[in-house]
C-alpha cells in the first residue's frame, strides 16, 4: 500500500457525522479515499467510503475507530451485516471486507 496521511474531522453542522480523509504522501495533493460514519446516542454507524488505492479502506476504518474511541461518547461502532444467502458478488465482497475487522454475526 502506498503511504498516506489520514485526517479525521467532524462532519455536518450538528457534529453527528465523522469522516476520515486520506491524502497521498509526497507531491500529490489529491485525496485518495474517505470513510464516513454517523454518530447517534453512543453508537456510530458506517455510512459510506471509497478509495482510489487498494486496501486503504481498512486503514481509514481504523482511523475512524481510533477517533470514535477518544470522543468520550461513542461506545459501539456498527459496520454492517453479513451477506445473506443469494447475495450478489458485490455484497459478498463487502461482507468479506467487514469480516476483516473481526467479530461475528449475532
Protein backbone atom coordinates (compact mmCIF):
# COMPACT_ATOMS: atom_id res chain seq x y z
CA UNK A 1 0.00 0.00 0.00
CA UNK A 2 1.34 3.41 -0.82
CA UNK A 3 1.91 5.77 2.08
CA UNK A 4 -0.94 8.06 3.06
CA UNK A 5 -1.81 10.64 5.67
CA UNK A 6 -5.25 10.47 7.32
CA UNK A 7 -7.22 13.29 8.85
CA UNK A 8 -10.39 12.71 10.90
CA UNK A 9 -12.87 15.55 11.29
CA UNK A 10 -16.47 16.04 12.34
CA UNK A 11 -18.93 16.45 9.51
CA UNK A 12 -22.24 18.27 9.40
CA UNK A 13 -23.37 21.29 11.36
CA UNK A 14 -24.68 19.12 14.21
CA UNK A 15 -21.43 17.15 14.64
CA UNK A 16 -23.21 13.82 14.19
CA UNK A 17 -21.01 12.82 11.28
CA UNK A 18 -17.33 11.92 11.30
CA UNK A 19 -15.12 11.46 8.26
CA UNK A 20 -11.61 10.12 7.75
CA UNK A 21 -9.86 11.50 4.67
CA UNK A 22 -6.69 10.06 3.17
CA UNK A 23 -4.23 12.01 1.10
CA UNK A 24 -1.22 10.51 -0.66
CA UNK A 25 2.11 11.47 0.88
CA UNK A 26 4.60 13.27 -1.26
CA UNK A 27 3.96 15.66 -4.12
CA UNK A 28 0.32 14.76 -4.72
CA UNK A 29 -2.29 16.90 -3.05
CA UNK A 30 -5.36 14.91 -4.07
CA UNK A 31 -7.44 12.87 -1.68
CA UNK A 32 -7.16 9.13 -2.20
CA UNK A 33 -10.06 7.94 -0.05
CA UNK A 34 -12.62 8.58 2.65
CA UNK A 35 -14.70 6.75 5.23
CA UNK A 36 -17.81 8.34 6.73
CA UNK A 37 -19.78 7.38 9.84
CA UNK A 38 -22.85 8.79 11.57
CA UNK A 39 -22.94 9.11 15.38
CA UNK A 40 -26.08 8.84 17.48
CA UNK A 41 -26.54 8.23 21.24
CA UNK A 42 -23.33 6.33 21.94
CA UNK A 43 -23.34 4.47 18.63
CA UNK A 44 -21.58 5.13 15.33
CA UNK A 45 -22.73 3.62 12.05
CA UNK A 46 -20.53 3.29 8.99
CA UNK A 47 -22.34 5.08 6.18
CA UNK A 48 -20.04 5.18 3.18
CA UNK A 49 -16.49 5.02 1.93
CA UNK A 50 -14.45 4.93 -1.25
CA UNK A 51 -10.77 4.79 -2.12
CA UNK A 52 -8.55 5.15 -5.17
CA UNK A 53 -5.88 2.91 -3.60
CA UNK A 54 -6.22 -0.83 -2.94
CA UNK A 55 -6.53 -1.89 0.72
CA UNK A 56 -6.84 1.69 2.01
CA UNK A 57 -10.40 1.42 3.33
CA UNK A 58 -9.34 -0.82 6.26
CA UNK A 59 -6.81 1.81 7.35
CA UNK A 60 -9.43 4.55 7.12
CA UNK A 61 -11.84 2.48 9.18
CA UNK A 62 -9.18 2.06 11.86
CA UNK A 63 -8.64 5.83 11.89
CA UNK A 64 -12.38 6.29 12.46
CA UNK A 65 -12.38 3.68 15.22
CA UNK A 66 -9.46 5.40 16.96
CA UNK A 67 -11.16 8.79 16.78
CA UNK A 68 -14.51 7.41 17.95
CA UNK A 69 -12.84 5.69 20.87
CA UNK A 70 -11.45 9.04 22.03
CA UNK A 71 -14.60 11.13 21.57
CA UNK A 72 -15.89 10.31 25.07
CA UNK A 73 -19.36 9.38 23.80
CA UNK A 74 -19.22 6.53 21.30
CA UNK A 75 -19.31 3.05 22.81
CA UNK A 76 -20.22 0.94 19.76
CA UNK A 77 -19.35 1.01 16.06
CA UNK A 78 -21.61 -0.79 13.59
CA UNK A 79 -20.12 -1.52 10.18
CA UNK A 80 -22.99 -3.63 8.83
CA UNK A 81 -24.16 -7.18 8.42
CA UNK A 82 -23.00 -10.40 6.83
CA UNK A 83 -24.05 -11.19 3.26
CA UNK A 84 -27.32 -13.17 3.26
CA UNK A 85 -27.90 -16.26 1.12
CA UNK A 86 -28.35 -15.24 -2.50
CA UNK A 87 -26.21 -12.09 -2.08
CA UNK A 88 -24.59 -10.61 -5.16
CA UNK A 89 -20.84 -10.79 -5.74
CA UNK A 90 -20.55 -7.15 -4.67
CA UNK A 91 -22.48 -7.83 -1.42
CA UNK A 92 -20.25 -10.83 -0.68
CA UNK A 93 -17.18 -8.64 -1.29
CA UNK A 94 -18.47 -6.01 1.14
CA UNK A 95 -19.19 -8.69 3.76
CA UNK A 96 -15.64 -10.04 3.30
CA UNK A 97 -14.26 -6.52 3.84
CA UNK A 98 -16.28 -6.11 7.05
CA UNK A 99 -15.16 -9.51 8.33
CA UNK A 100 -11.60 -8.17 8.29
CA UNK A 101 -12.44 -6.24 11.46
CA UNK A 102 -13.25 -9.40 13.43
CA UNK A 103 -16.40 -10.06 15.38
CA UNK A 104 -19.27 -12.24 14.32
CA UNK A 105 -22.89 -12.02 13.33
CA UNK A 106 -25.18 -12.38 16.38
